[in-house]
N, C-alpha and C. Protein backbone atom coordinates (compact mmCIF):
# COMPACT_ATOMS: atom_id res chain seq x y z
N MET A 1 -71.93 -120.72 -17.71
CA MET A 1 -72.58 -121.68 -18.77
C MET A 1 -71.85 -122.39 -19.83
N GLU A 2 -72.21 -123.28 -19.46
CA GLU A 2 -71.12 -123.91 -20.66
C GLU A 2 -70.95 -123.50 -22.45
N GLY A 3 -70.20 -124.07 -22.98
CA GLY A 3 -70.36 -123.93 -24.37
C GLY A 3 -70.36 -124.99 -25.59
N ARG A 4 -71.63 -126.12 -24.87
CA ARG A 4 -72.38 -127.50 -26.08
C ARG A 4 -73.82 -126.07 -26.31
N MET A 5 -74.28 -126.86 -27.27
CA MET A 5 -75.60 -126.38 -27.66
C MET A 5 -76.40 -127.31 -26.31
N ILE A 6 -77.61 -126.62 -26.39
CA ILE A 6 -78.50 -127.23 -25.73
C ILE A 6 -80.56 -127.53 -26.42
N ASP A 7 -80.32 -128.40 -26.41
CA ASP A 7 -81.64 -129.34 -27.24
C ASP A 7 -82.47 -129.08 -26.10
N PHE A 8 -83.49 -127.80 -26.02
CA PHE A 8 -84.84 -128.15 -25.03
C PHE A 8 -86.00 -128.89 -25.44
N PHE A 9 -85.74 -129.53 -26.87
CA PHE A 9 -86.95 -130.39 -27.30
C PHE A 9 -86.71 -131.76 -28.02
N LYS A 10 -85.28 -132.44 -26.98
CA LYS A 10 -84.92 -133.13 -27.76
C LYS A 10 -85.78 -134.71 -26.35
N ASP A 11 -86.50 -134.23 -25.46
CA ASP A 11 -86.77 -135.67 -24.59
C ASP A 11 -88.86 -134.68 -24.73
N GLU A 12 -89.03 -134.36 -25.64
CA GLU A 12 -90.33 -132.84 -25.56
C GLU A 12 -91.42 -134.49 -26.00
N ILE A 13 -92.35 -133.77 -25.14
CA ILE A 13 -94.22 -134.95 -24.85
C ILE A 13 -94.91 -134.68 -25.37
N PRO A 14 -95.73 -135.25 -26.27
CA PRO A 14 -97.23 -135.19 -26.66
C PRO A 14 -98.14 -134.78 -26.29
N VAL A 15 -98.56 -134.17 -25.54
CA VAL A 15 -99.69 -134.36 -24.89
C VAL A 15 -101.23 -134.51 -25.52
N ASP A 16 -102.03 -135.51 -25.81
CA ASP A 16 -103.27 -136.35 -26.40
C ASP A 16 -104.20 -135.86 -25.95
N CYS A 17 -104.58 -134.78 -24.92
CA CYS A 17 -105.82 -134.71 -23.63
C CYS A 17 -105.63 -132.55 -24.11
N SER A 18 -106.89 -132.42 -24.01
CA SER A 18 -107.13 -130.76 -23.75
C SER A 18 -107.34 -130.42 -22.71
N LEU A 19 -108.11 -131.19 -21.09
CA LEU A 19 -107.73 -129.94 -20.12
C LEU A 19 -106.46 -131.16 -19.54
N PHE A 20 -105.78 -130.82 -18.85
CA PHE A 20 -103.90 -131.89 -18.43
C PHE A 20 -103.94 -130.96 -17.01
N GLY A 21 -102.84 -131.34 -15.95
CA GLY A 21 -101.89 -130.44 -15.19
C GLY A 21 -100.80 -130.68 -15.51
N ILE A 22 -100.55 -129.85 -14.70
CA ILE A 22 -98.41 -130.54 -14.50
C ILE A 22 -98.25 -130.36 -13.26
N CYS A 23 -97.73 -131.35 -12.71
CA CYS A 23 -97.99 -131.33 -11.49
C CYS A 23 -95.75 -131.62 -10.80
N ASP A 24 -95.44 -131.40 -9.95
CA ASP A 24 -94.11 -131.79 -9.62
C ASP A 24 -94.27 -132.38 -8.01
N ASP A 25 -93.71 -133.79 -7.77
CA ASP A 25 -93.79 -134.16 -6.58
C ASP A 25 -92.99 -133.43 -5.68
N GLU A 26 -93.19 -133.55 -4.90
CA GLU A 26 -92.30 -133.19 -3.84
C GLU A 26 -91.44 -133.86 -3.33
N ASP A 27 -90.25 -134.32 -3.59
CA ASP A 27 -88.80 -135.61 -3.78
C ASP A 27 -87.79 -135.01 -3.84
N LYS A 28 -86.99 -134.18 -2.96
CA LYS A 28 -85.92 -133.72 -3.45
C LYS A 28 -84.90 -134.82 -3.34
N ALA A 29 -85.20 -135.33 -2.61
CA ALA A 29 -83.96 -136.95 -2.26
C ALA A 29 -84.01 -137.29 -4.07
N GLU A 30 -85.10 -137.61 -4.61
CA GLU A 30 -85.57 -138.34 -5.76
C GLU A 30 -84.87 -137.36 -7.38
N LYS A 31 -85.51 -136.14 -7.24
CA LYS A 31 -84.92 -135.27 -7.90
C LYS A 31 -85.81 -135.64 -9.44
N THR A 32 -86.82 -135.42 -9.02
CA THR A 32 -87.76 -136.42 -10.40
C THR A 32 -88.37 -135.15 -11.07
N PRO A 33 -88.32 -134.98 -12.78
CA PRO A 33 -88.78 -133.93 -13.29
C PRO A 33 -90.51 -133.78 -13.51
N ALA A 34 -90.69 -132.32 -13.72
CA ALA A 34 -91.95 -132.35 -13.83
C ALA A 34 -92.70 -133.51 -14.40
N TYR A 35 -94.43 -133.40 -14.60
CA TYR A 35 -94.85 -134.60 -15.61
C TYR A 35 -96.01 -133.69 -15.90
N ILE A 36 -96.94 -134.53 -16.60
CA ILE A 36 -98.81 -134.45 -17.31
C ILE A 36 -99.39 -135.15 -16.28
N ASP A 37 -100.23 -134.98 -15.95
CA ASP A 37 -101.54 -135.95 -15.29
C ASP A 37 -102.74 -135.52 -16.67
N CYS A 38 -103.40 -136.31 -17.37
CA CYS A 38 -104.38 -136.05 -18.35
C CYS A 38 -105.53 -136.54 -17.83
N ILE A 39 -105.55 -137.13 -15.97
CA ILE A 39 -106.92 -137.54 -15.39
C ILE A 39 -107.61 -136.36 -14.29
N VAL A 40 -108.64 -136.09 -14.77
CA VAL A 40 -109.09 -134.77 -14.86
C VAL A 40 -109.56 -135.16 -12.40
N ASP A 41 -109.58 -136.87 -12.40
CA ASP A 41 -110.09 -136.86 -11.02
C ASP A 41 -108.84 -136.59 -10.29
N ASN A 42 -107.67 -136.64 -10.72
CA ASN A 42 -106.43 -136.28 -10.14
C ASN A 42 -106.01 -134.50 -9.84
N ARG A 43 -106.84 -133.92 -9.84
CA ARG A 43 -106.57 -132.68 -10.46
C ARG A 43 -106.29 -131.74 -8.59
N LYS A 44 -106.54 -132.53 -7.42
CA LYS A 44 -106.06 -132.30 -6.72
C LYS A 44 -104.26 -131.90 -6.73
N ASN A 45 -103.97 -132.95 -7.22
CA ASN A 45 -102.90 -133.14 -7.28
C ASN A 45 -101.85 -132.04 -8.16
N TRP A 46 -102.61 -131.71 -9.07
CA TRP A 46 -102.23 -130.48 -10.26
C TRP A 46 -101.41 -129.27 -9.23
N ILE A 47 -100.39 -128.55 -10.22
CA ILE A 47 -100.40 -127.49 -9.26
C ILE A 47 -100.77 -125.99 -10.42
N ALA A 48 -100.92 -127.12 -11.73
CA ALA A 48 -100.91 -125.90 -13.13
C ALA A 48 -101.97 -126.95 -13.76
N GLU A 49 -102.99 -125.86 -14.58
CA GLU A 49 -103.92 -126.48 -15.24
C GLU A 49 -103.72 -125.90 -16.26
N VAL A 50 -103.36 -127.11 -17.48
CA VAL A 50 -103.76 -126.48 -18.68
C VAL A 50 -105.10 -126.66 -18.92
N ASN A 51 -105.32 -125.62 -19.90
CA ASN A 51 -106.79 -125.76 -20.96
C ASN A 51 -106.34 -125.50 -23.15
N ASN A 52 -105.82 -126.85 -23.10
CA ASN A 52 -105.98 -126.53 -24.75
C ASN A 52 -106.80 -125.99 -25.51
N SER A 53 -107.57 -124.83 -25.64
CA SER A 53 -109.20 -125.01 -26.33
C SER A 53 -108.40 -124.70 -27.59
N SER A 54 -106.88 -124.60 -27.90
CA SER A 54 -106.97 -124.36 -29.00
C SER A 54 -106.96 -125.14 -30.04
N GLY A 55 -107.37 -126.70 -29.59
CA GLY A 55 -107.67 -128.10 -30.02
C GLY A 55 -105.86 -128.95 -31.31
N ALA A 56 -105.14 -127.45 -31.11
CA ALA A 56 -103.82 -127.79 -31.76
C ALA A 56 -102.93 -128.59 -30.81
N PRO A 57 -102.13 -129.49 -31.92
CA PRO A 57 -101.48 -130.54 -30.99
C PRO A 57 -100.49 -128.95 -30.14
N VAL A 58 -99.77 -130.37 -28.74
CA VAL A 58 -98.80 -129.21 -27.89
C VAL A 58 -98.48 -130.20 -27.12
N LYS A 59 -96.84 -129.86 -26.88
CA LYS A 59 -95.77 -130.95 -26.83
C LYS A 59 -95.22 -130.16 -25.24
N PHE A 60 -94.99 -130.65 -24.30
CA PHE A 60 -94.74 -130.70 -23.06
C PHE A 60 -92.94 -131.17 -22.93
N ILE A 61 -91.93 -130.43 -22.29
CA ILE A 61 -91.05 -130.50 -21.96
C ILE A 61 -90.25 -130.30 -20.64
N ALA A 62 -90.35 -131.56 -19.36
CA ALA A 62 -89.89 -131.19 -18.17
C ALA A 62 -88.21 -129.98 -18.84
N VAL A 63 -88.05 -129.86 -17.70
CA VAL A 63 -86.83 -129.30 -17.64
C VAL A 63 -86.22 -128.86 -16.37
N ASP A 64 -86.64 -129.01 -15.18
CA ASP A 64 -85.46 -128.78 -14.29
C ASP A 64 -85.49 -130.40 -14.17
N ASN A 65 -84.29 -131.27 -13.64
CA ASN A 65 -84.39 -132.25 -13.22
C ASN A 65 -84.28 -132.72 -14.71
N LYS A 66 -83.79 -132.40 -15.69
CA LYS A 66 -84.03 -133.13 -17.12
C LYS A 66 -83.24 -132.76 -17.78
N ILE A 67 -83.24 -131.17 -17.74
CA ILE A 67 -81.87 -130.84 -18.93
C ILE A 67 -81.53 -130.46 -17.84
N GLU A 68 -80.07 -130.72 -18.65
CA GLU A 68 -78.60 -130.15 -17.78
C GLU A 68 -78.02 -129.24 -18.11
N ILE A 69 -78.01 -128.31 -17.50
CA ILE A 69 -78.19 -126.61 -17.70
C ILE A 69 -76.84 -126.50 -16.44
N LEU A 70 -75.98 -126.19 -17.28
CA LEU A 70 -74.33 -125.91 -16.66
C LEU A 70 -74.08 -124.20 -15.90
N ARG A 71 -73.61 -123.78 -14.75
CA ARG A 71 -72.83 -123.11 -15.07
C ARG A 71 -71.13 -123.10 -15.00
N GLU A 72 -70.47 -122.25 -15.33
CA GLU A 72 -69.22 -122.07 -15.98
C GLU A 72 -68.63 -123.08 -14.31
N ASP A 73 -69.06 -122.84 -13.68
CA ASP A 73 -68.52 -123.13 -12.37
C ASP A 73 -68.67 -124.75 -12.34
N GLY A 74 -69.03 -125.25 -13.50
CA GLY A 74 -69.72 -126.31 -13.06
C GLY A 74 -71.26 -126.99 -11.99
N ASN A 75 -71.36 -125.99 -11.21
CA ASN A 75 -72.52 -126.24 -11.00
C ASN A 75 -74.33 -126.28 -11.77
N LEU A 76 -75.01 -126.93 -10.92
CA LEU A 76 -76.52 -126.82 -12.22
C LEU A 76 -76.44 -125.31 -12.13
N GLU A 77 -77.15 -124.78 -12.79
CA GLU A 77 -78.01 -123.21 -13.48
C GLU A 77 -79.65 -123.51 -12.57
N ASN A 78 -79.97 -122.50 -12.50
CA ASN A 78 -81.58 -122.56 -12.58
C ASN A 78 -82.13 -122.31 -13.25
N ARG A 79 -83.48 -123.60 -13.03
CA ARG A 79 -84.07 -123.97 -14.02
C ARG A 79 -85.69 -123.92 -14.26
N CYS A 80 -86.19 -123.32 -14.95
CA CYS A 80 -87.91 -123.88 -14.41
C CYS A 80 -88.03 -125.18 -14.75
N ASP A 81 -89.38 -125.31 -14.48
CA ASP A 81 -89.98 -126.79 -14.02
C ASP A 81 -90.36 -127.45 -15.51
N ALA A 82 -90.95 -126.77 -15.78
CA ALA A 82 -91.41 -127.28 -17.65
C ALA A 82 -91.83 -125.91 -18.63
N MET A 83 -92.09 -127.08 -20.47
CA MET A 83 -92.35 -125.68 -20.65
C MET A 83 -93.22 -127.13 -21.61
N LEU A 84 -94.12 -125.66 -22.49
CA LEU A 84 -95.34 -126.37 -23.49
C LEU A 84 -95.49 -125.96 -24.97
N HIS A 85 -95.37 -126.20 -25.95
CA HIS A 85 -94.77 -125.24 -27.25
C HIS A 85 -95.86 -126.16 -28.00
N ASN A 86 -96.49 -125.33 -28.98
CA ASN A 86 -96.46 -125.83 -30.59
C ASN A 86 -96.24 -125.20 -31.32
N ASP A 87 -96.97 -124.65 -32.21
CA ASP A 87 -96.80 -124.09 -33.82
C ASP A 87 -96.50 -122.51 -33.72
N LYS A 88 -97.63 -121.83 -32.42
CA LYS A 88 -97.90 -120.94 -32.22
C LYS A 88 -97.11 -120.54 -30.87
N TYR A 89 -97.01 -121.44 -29.53
CA TYR A 89 -97.18 -121.10 -28.52
C TYR A 89 -96.01 -121.74 -28.13
N ILE A 90 -95.02 -121.10 -26.86
CA ILE A 90 -93.65 -121.35 -25.97
C ILE A 90 -94.13 -120.68 -25.04
N ILE A 91 -94.31 -121.80 -23.93
CA ILE A 91 -95.30 -121.56 -22.20
C ILE A 91 -93.94 -122.07 -21.82
N PHE A 92 -93.23 -120.99 -21.12
CA PHE A 92 -92.90 -121.12 -19.79
C PHE A 92 -93.59 -121.93 -18.42
N VAL A 93 -92.91 -122.47 -17.82
CA VAL A 93 -93.61 -122.75 -16.63
C VAL A 93 -92.82 -123.23 -15.46
N GLU A 94 -93.14 -122.63 -14.36
CA GLU A 94 -92.67 -122.40 -12.93
C GLU A 94 -93.77 -122.94 -11.76
N LEU A 95 -93.10 -123.93 -11.21
CA LEU A 95 -94.05 -124.83 -10.25
C LEU A 95 -93.70 -124.63 -8.82
N LYS A 96 -94.88 -123.68 -7.93
CA LYS A 96 -94.70 -123.87 -7.03
C LYS A 96 -95.73 -124.25 -5.69
N ASN A 97 -94.55 -124.63 -4.01
CA ASN A 97 -95.67 -124.92 -3.64
C ASN A 97 -95.66 -124.82 -2.12
N GLN A 98 -95.51 -123.12 -2.45
CA GLN A 98 -94.84 -122.51 -0.20
C GLN A 98 -95.88 -121.24 -0.48
N ARG A 99 -95.88 -121.43 0.67
CA ARG A 99 -96.48 -120.09 1.11
C ARG A 99 -96.09 -118.47 1.04
N GLN A 100 -95.04 -118.37 1.28
CA GLN A 100 -94.30 -116.54 0.79
C GLN A 100 -92.92 -116.94 0.48
N GLU A 101 -92.38 -116.19 0.13
CA GLU A 101 -91.85 -115.74 -0.88
C GLU A 101 -91.05 -116.18 -1.67
N TRP A 102 -91.88 -116.28 -2.77
CA TRP A 102 -91.92 -116.84 -3.91
C TRP A 102 -91.89 -116.79 -4.57
N ILE A 103 -92.34 -115.41 -5.61
CA ILE A 103 -92.22 -114.85 -6.77
C ILE A 103 -90.53 -114.38 -6.71
N LYS A 104 -90.69 -113.32 -6.38
CA LYS A 104 -89.34 -113.24 -6.73
C LYS A 104 -88.12 -114.00 -7.58
N HIS A 105 -87.85 -115.23 -6.73
CA HIS A 105 -87.17 -116.05 -6.85
C HIS A 105 -87.98 -117.41 -8.28
N ALA A 106 -89.20 -117.24 -8.51
CA ALA A 106 -89.21 -118.32 -9.31
C ALA A 106 -89.22 -117.24 -10.58
N VAL A 107 -89.34 -115.79 -10.77
CA VAL A 107 -89.37 -115.59 -11.93
C VAL A 107 -87.54 -115.09 -12.64
N GLU A 108 -87.11 -114.40 -11.43
CA GLU A 108 -85.97 -113.66 -11.57
C GLU A 108 -84.57 -114.82 -12.06
N GLU A 109 -84.83 -115.88 -11.27
CA GLU A 109 -83.66 -116.95 -11.35
C GLU A 109 -84.32 -118.38 -11.80
N GLN A 110 -85.34 -118.29 -11.30
CA GLN A 110 -85.67 -119.62 -12.87
C GLN A 110 -86.02 -119.42 -13.70
N LEU A 111 -87.05 -118.42 -14.16
CA LEU A 111 -87.92 -118.72 -15.11
C LEU A 111 -87.04 -117.25 -16.37
N ALA A 112 -86.59 -116.12 -15.86
CA ALA A 112 -85.73 -115.34 -16.51
C ALA A 112 -84.35 -116.21 -16.97
N THR A 113 -83.92 -116.80 -16.32
CA THR A 113 -82.09 -117.54 -16.16
C THR A 113 -82.52 -118.98 -17.58
N THR A 114 -83.71 -119.42 -17.50
CA THR A 114 -84.21 -120.37 -18.48
C THR A 114 -84.76 -119.76 -19.67
N ILE A 115 -85.62 -118.65 -19.62
CA ILE A 115 -84.88 -118.15 -20.80
C ILE A 115 -83.96 -117.38 -21.47
N ASN A 116 -83.29 -117.30 -20.72
CA ASN A 116 -82.22 -116.72 -21.62
C ASN A 116 -81.19 -117.68 -22.26
N ILE A 117 -81.62 -118.73 -21.46
CA ILE A 117 -80.65 -119.75 -21.92
C ILE A 117 -81.11 -120.45 -23.25
N PHE A 118 -82.47 -120.26 -23.53
CA PHE A 118 -82.75 -120.77 -24.23
C PHE A 118 -83.07 -120.32 -25.86
N LYS A 119 -82.76 -118.67 -25.07
CA LYS A 119 -82.79 -118.35 -26.74
C LYS A 119 -81.18 -117.71 -27.04
N GLN A 120 -79.82 -118.44 -26.25
CA GLN A 120 -79.12 -118.67 -26.40
C GLN A 120 -79.22 -119.99 -27.55
N ASN A 121 -80.15 -120.65 -27.68
CA ASN A 121 -79.71 -122.24 -28.10
C ASN A 121 -81.06 -122.01 -28.89
N HIS A 122 -82.05 -121.68 -28.94
CA HIS A 122 -82.73 -121.84 -29.87
C HIS A 122 -83.70 -119.93 -30.16
N ASP A 123 -84.44 -119.76 -31.32
CA ASP A 123 -85.00 -118.99 -31.77
C ASP A 123 -86.54 -118.86 -31.17
N ILE A 124 -86.40 -118.46 -30.60
CA ILE A 124 -87.83 -118.02 -30.03
C ILE A 124 -88.72 -117.15 -30.46
N SER A 125 -88.08 -116.16 -31.50
CA SER A 125 -89.49 -115.53 -32.47
C SER A 125 -90.16 -116.66 -33.83
N VAL A 126 -90.05 -117.88 -34.11
CA VAL A 126 -90.68 -118.79 -34.19
C VAL A 126 -92.36 -118.18 -33.74
N PHE A 127 -92.12 -118.10 -32.36
CA PHE A 127 -93.43 -118.61 -31.90
C PHE A 127 -93.98 -117.02 -32.00
N ARG A 128 -95.61 -117.19 -32.19
CA ARG A 128 -95.83 -115.77 -31.85
C ARG A 128 -96.55 -115.15 -30.41
N HIS A 129 -97.42 -116.23 -30.05
CA HIS A 129 -97.08 -116.17 -27.98
C HIS A 129 -96.14 -116.57 -27.10
N LYS A 130 -95.33 -115.34 -26.78
CA LYS A 130 -93.89 -116.13 -25.93
C LYS A 130 -94.56 -115.49 -24.38
N VAL A 131 -94.39 -116.86 -23.34
CA VAL A 131 -95.57 -116.64 -22.13
C VAL A 131 -95.13 -117.66 -20.94
N ALA A 132 -94.62 -116.69 -19.97
CA ALA A 132 -94.32 -117.60 -18.51
C ALA A 132 -95.01 -117.95 -16.98
N TYR A 133 -95.36 -118.51 -16.72
CA TYR A 133 -95.99 -118.68 -15.95
C TYR A 133 -95.29 -119.66 -14.10
N VAL A 134 -95.95 -118.18 -13.69
CA VAL A 134 -95.40 -118.67 -12.50
C VAL A 134 -96.65 -119.45 -11.52
N CYS A 135 -96.85 -120.67 -11.21
CA CYS A 135 -98.04 -121.25 -11.11
C CYS A 135 -97.93 -121.76 -8.86
N ASN A 136 -98.31 -121.35 -8.61
CA ASN A 136 -98.13 -121.35 -7.10
C ASN A 136 -99.68 -122.57 -6.17
N LYS A 137 -99.39 -123.83 -6.24
CA LYS A 137 -99.99 -124.53 -5.78
C LYS A 137 -101.14 -123.85 -4.62
N GLN A 138 -100.58 -123.40 -3.53
CA GLN A 138 -100.92 -122.08 -2.41
C GLN A 138 -101.42 -121.30 -2.75
N HIS A 139 -101.18 -120.54 -3.50
CA HIS A 139 -102.00 -119.56 -4.29
C HIS A 139 -102.63 -119.68 -5.37
N PRO A 140 -103.69 -120.24 -5.49
CA PRO A 140 -103.88 -120.81 -7.47
C PRO A 140 -104.23 -119.44 -7.81
N SER A 141 -104.71 -118.06 -6.96
CA SER A 141 -105.12 -117.08 -8.19
C SER A 141 -104.45 -115.89 -6.55
N PHE A 142 -103.52 -115.45 -7.74
CA PHE A 142 -103.24 -114.07 -6.48
C PHE A 142 -103.60 -113.29 -6.35
N ALA A 143 -103.92 -112.66 -5.42
CA ALA A 143 -105.06 -111.59 -5.13
C ALA A 143 -104.17 -110.25 -5.37
N SER A 144 -103.01 -109.74 -5.00
CA SER A 144 -102.73 -108.51 -5.67
C SER A 144 -101.66 -108.87 -7.03
N SER A 145 -101.98 -107.03 -7.04
CA SER A 145 -101.32 -107.07 -8.60
C SER A 145 -100.02 -106.88 -8.91
N HIS A 146 -99.57 -107.33 -9.86
CA HIS A 146 -98.04 -107.05 -9.91
C HIS A 146 -97.72 -106.74 -11.47
N LYS A 147 -98.96 -105.75 -11.66
CA LYS A 147 -98.57 -104.92 -13.51
C LYS A 147 -97.54 -104.61 -13.95
N GLU A 148 -96.77 -103.55 -12.79
CA GLU A 148 -95.47 -102.81 -13.47
C GLU A 148 -94.20 -104.21 -12.99
N TYR A 149 -94.16 -105.01 -12.12
CA TYR A 149 -93.18 -105.75 -12.36
C TYR A 149 -93.14 -107.08 -13.10
N MET A 150 -94.63 -107.22 -14.16
CA MET A 150 -94.85 -108.16 -15.42
C MET A 150 -94.78 -107.08 -16.70
N HIS A 151 -94.92 -106.14 -16.46
CA HIS A 151 -94.54 -104.98 -17.37
C HIS A 151 -93.08 -105.35 -18.04
N LYS A 152 -92.55 -105.21 -16.65
CA LYS A 152 -90.84 -104.93 -16.85
C LYS A 152 -90.32 -106.17 -17.31
N PHE A 153 -90.57 -107.29 -17.02
CA PHE A 153 -90.26 -108.12 -17.12
C PHE A 153 -90.85 -108.21 -18.89
N ARG A 154 -92.02 -108.34 -19.18
CA ARG A 154 -92.25 -108.11 -21.07
C ARG A 154 -91.32 -107.33 -21.38
N LYS A 155 -90.96 -106.33 -21.03
CA LYS A 155 -89.98 -105.68 -22.22
C LYS A 155 -88.50 -106.14 -21.73
N GLU A 156 -88.03 -106.56 -20.67
CA GLU A 156 -86.94 -107.50 -20.30
C GLU A 156 -86.26 -108.67 -21.42
N HIS A 157 -88.00 -109.60 -21.46
CA HIS A 157 -87.86 -110.44 -22.24
C HIS A 157 -88.23 -111.37 -23.39
N GLY A 158 -89.22 -109.93 -23.53
CA GLY A 158 -89.65 -110.42 -24.76
C GLY A 158 -90.93 -111.38 -24.50
N VAL A 159 -91.28 -112.14 -23.15
CA VAL A 159 -91.87 -112.62 -22.46
C VAL A 159 -93.10 -112.87 -21.74
N ARG A 160 -94.34 -112.45 -21.77
CA ARG A 160 -95.23 -111.72 -21.26
C ARG A 160 -95.79 -112.64 -19.64
N LEU A 161 -95.54 -112.60 -19.00
CA LEU A 161 -95.04 -113.12 -17.35
C LEU A 161 -96.45 -113.28 -16.70
N VAL A 162 -97.08 -114.41 -16.53
CA VAL A 162 -98.66 -114.35 -15.76
C VAL A 162 -98.28 -115.54 -14.40
N ILE A 163 -98.93 -114.79 -13.26
CA ILE A 163 -98.73 -115.65 -12.37
C ILE A 163 -100.22 -115.69 -11.84
N CYS A 164 -100.43 -117.54 -12.47
CA CYS A 164 -101.49 -117.38 -11.92
C CYS A 164 -101.74 -119.25 -12.37
N ASN A 165 -102.47 -120.01 -11.93
CA ASN A 165 -102.35 -121.72 -12.03
C ASN A 165 -103.14 -122.01 -13.15
N GLU A 166 -103.83 -121.42 -14.25
CA GLU A 166 -104.73 -121.90 -14.86
C GLU A 166 -103.91 -121.17 -16.16
N ILE A 167 -103.54 -122.18 -17.00
CA ILE A 167 -102.61 -121.77 -18.48
C ILE A 167 -103.78 -121.98 -19.54
N THR A 168 -104.08 -121.10 -20.54
CA THR A 168 -104.98 -121.32 -21.20
C THR A 168 -103.66 -121.12 -22.88
N ILE A 169 -104.35 -122.37 -23.78
CA ILE A 169 -103.31 -122.02 -25.36
C ILE A 169 -104.66 -122.14 -25.85
N LYS A 170 -105.00 -120.94 -26.41
CA LYS A 170 -106.33 -120.29 -27.46
C LYS A 170 -105.82 -120.83 -28.69
N ALA A 171 -106.70 -120.86 -29.85
CA ALA A 171 -106.80 -120.68 -30.88
C ALA A 171 -105.38 -120.05 -31.87
């Protein structure tokens, strides 16, 4: 990774709705970043659904295809798609739309890498709740349990891992 400070918060966007979706268009050529959608009628396009029942303001940060994080060799580092935060929460979000072999890459390469780089550049301890979500449009609620995997992730990174499409921000 390069020696300069990476400001994850520089392009954050306030979200004014309590229910919204996080979307990521499948446009590999254009590489547009993830974005929020507050129009409930567009739910079929949402990869993750966010319910901000806290009433507290929340901010959205597009990470992949927005924040440039380079490896020492000059190539782009793996990054998660987005982040959400407020005074209490920091939430790292990886969005997927694939049938198989998606959890390991999403968790170990994209989320873990982003969390580690975030920690090198910001104080994560200021957030009471630290959560990482893997959301897959083709697997909205995952059938098998990954308790041990999730426990190991929390122990290694200090961040709770959730494999689910529904993100809830509580008071």
